[in-house]
Amino acid sequence: MKQPNISKLLQGQFKLVSVEKLLRMLAAFDQDVEIKIKPHRKRGEGGRITFIRA
């Protein structure tokens, strides 16, 4: 994957890559991946997806 696309991923633009490819890429860079599912706190709004770097 080219650097500009990696930069877009880090900015939250996930449409560039499938979830499977993203997980494989993170594992290849020796990163642990944690998926956390929780209820959205604000009623009337949809859920959201966030990417948090530790």
C-alpha atoms as a PDB file:
ATOM      1  CA  MET A   1       0.000   0.000   0.000  1.00  0.00           C
ATOM      2  CA  LYS A   2       1.331   3.421  -0.915  1.00  0.00           C
ATOM      3  CA  GLN A   3       2.052   6.047   1.751  1.00  0.00           C
ATOM      4  CA  PRO A   4      -0.725   8.487   0.694  1.00  0.00           C
ATOM      5  CA  ASN A   5      -3.304   5.704   1.171  1.00  0.00           C
ATOM      6  CA  ILE A   6      -1.872   4.821   4.590  1.00  0.00           C
ATOM      7  CA  SER A   7      -2.151   8.493   5.542  1.00  0.00           C
ATOM      8  CA  LYS A   8      -5.814   8.486   4.482  1.00  0.00           C
ATOM      9  CA  LEU A   9      -6.436   5.400   6.617  1.00  0.00           C
ATOM     10  CA  LEU A  10      -4.913   7.125   9.636  1.00  0.00           C
ATOM     11  CA  GLN A  11      -7.302  10.031   8.994  1.00  0.00           C
ATOM     12  CA  GLY A  12     -10.264   7.657   9.184  1.00  0.00           C
ATOM     13  CA  GLN A  13     -10.922   7.142   5.467  1.00  0.00           C
ATOM     14  CA  PHE A  14     -11.554   3.397   5.548  1.00  0.00           C
ATOM     15  CA  LYS A  15     -13.248   3.024   2.150  1.00  0.00           C
ATOM     16  CA  LEU A  16      -9.876   2.384   0.535  1.00  0.00           C
ATOM     17  CA  VAL A  17      -9.396  -1.081   1.987  1.00  0.00           C
ATOM     18  CA  SER A  18     -11.432  -4.050   3.175  1.00  0.00           C
ATOM     19  CA  VAL A  19     -11.597  -4.860   6.870  1.00  0.00           C
ATOM     20  CA  GLU A  20      -9.758  -8.126   6.250  1.00  0.00           C
ATOM     21  CA  LYS A  21      -6.907  -6.371   4.430  1.00  0.00           C
ATOM     22  CA  LEU A  22      -6.653  -3.735   7.152  1.00  0.00           C
ATOM     23  CA  LEU A  23      -6.453  -6.375   9.888  1.00  0.00           C
ATOM     24  CA  ARG A  24      -3.781  -8.314   7.993  1.00  0.00           C
ATOM     25  CA  MET A  25      -1.771  -5.131   7.397  1.00  0.00           C
ATOM     26  CA  LEU A  26      -1.898  -4.198  11.088  1.00  0.00           C
ATOM     27  CA  ALA A  27      -0.849  -7.694  12.145  1.00  0.00           C
ATOM     28  CA  ALA A  28       2.036  -7.581   9.641  1.00  0.00           C
ATOM     29  CA  PHE A  29       3.253  -4.397  11.366  1.00  0.00           C
ATOM     30  CA  ASP A  30       3.252  -6.213  14.722  1.00  0.00           C
ATOM     31  CA  GLN A  31       0.124  -4.449  15.963  1.00  0.00           C
ATOM     32  CA  ASP A  32      -2.481  -5.987  18.228  1.00  0.00           C
ATOM     33  CA  VAL A  33      -6.027  -5.410  17.011  1.00  0.00           C
ATOM     34  CA  GLU A  34      -8.852  -5.015  19.490  1.00  0.00           C
ATOM     35  CA  ILE A  35     -12.472  -4.738  18.387  1.00  0.00           C
ATOM     36  CA  LYS A  36     -14.731  -3.231  21.019  1.00  0.00           C
ATOM     37  CA  ILE A  37     -18.506  -3.099  20.626  1.00  0.00           C
ATOM     38  CA  LYS A  38     -20.585  -0.929  22.936  1.00  0.00           C
ATOM     39  CA  PRO A  39     -23.952   0.823  22.845  1.00  0.00           C
ATOM     40  CA  HIS A  40     -24.034   4.314  21.381  1.00  0.00           C
ATOM     41  CA  ARG A  41     -24.896   6.737  24.182  1.00  0.00           C
ATOM     42  CA  LYS A  42     -26.858   9.367  22.248  1.00  0.00           C
ATOM     43  CA  ARG A  43     -30.367   8.396  21.275  1.00  0.00           C
ATOM     44  CA  GLY A  44     -31.544   9.194  17.772  1.00  0.00           C
ATOM     45  CA  GLU A  45     -28.050   9.018  16.307  1.00  0.00           C
ATOM     46  CA  GLY A  46     -26.420   6.156  14.496  1.00  0.00           C
ATOM     47  CA  GLY A  47     -23.365   4.394  15.812  1.00  0.00           C
ATOM     48  CA  ARG A  48     -19.882   5.406  14.743  1.00  0.00           C
ATOM     49  CA  ILE A  49     -16.587   3.813  13.825  1.00  0.00           C
ATOM     50  CA  THR A  50     -13.403   5.241  15.291  1.00  0.00           C
ATOM     51  CA  PHE A  51      -9.762   4.366  14.841  1.00  0.00           C
ATOM     52  CA  ILE A  52      -7.618   5.020  17.901  1.00  0.00           C
ATOM     53  CA  ARG A  53      -3.851   4.687  17.833  1.00  0.00           C
ATOM     54  CA  ALA A  54      -2.326   3.717  21.157  1.00  0.00           C
END
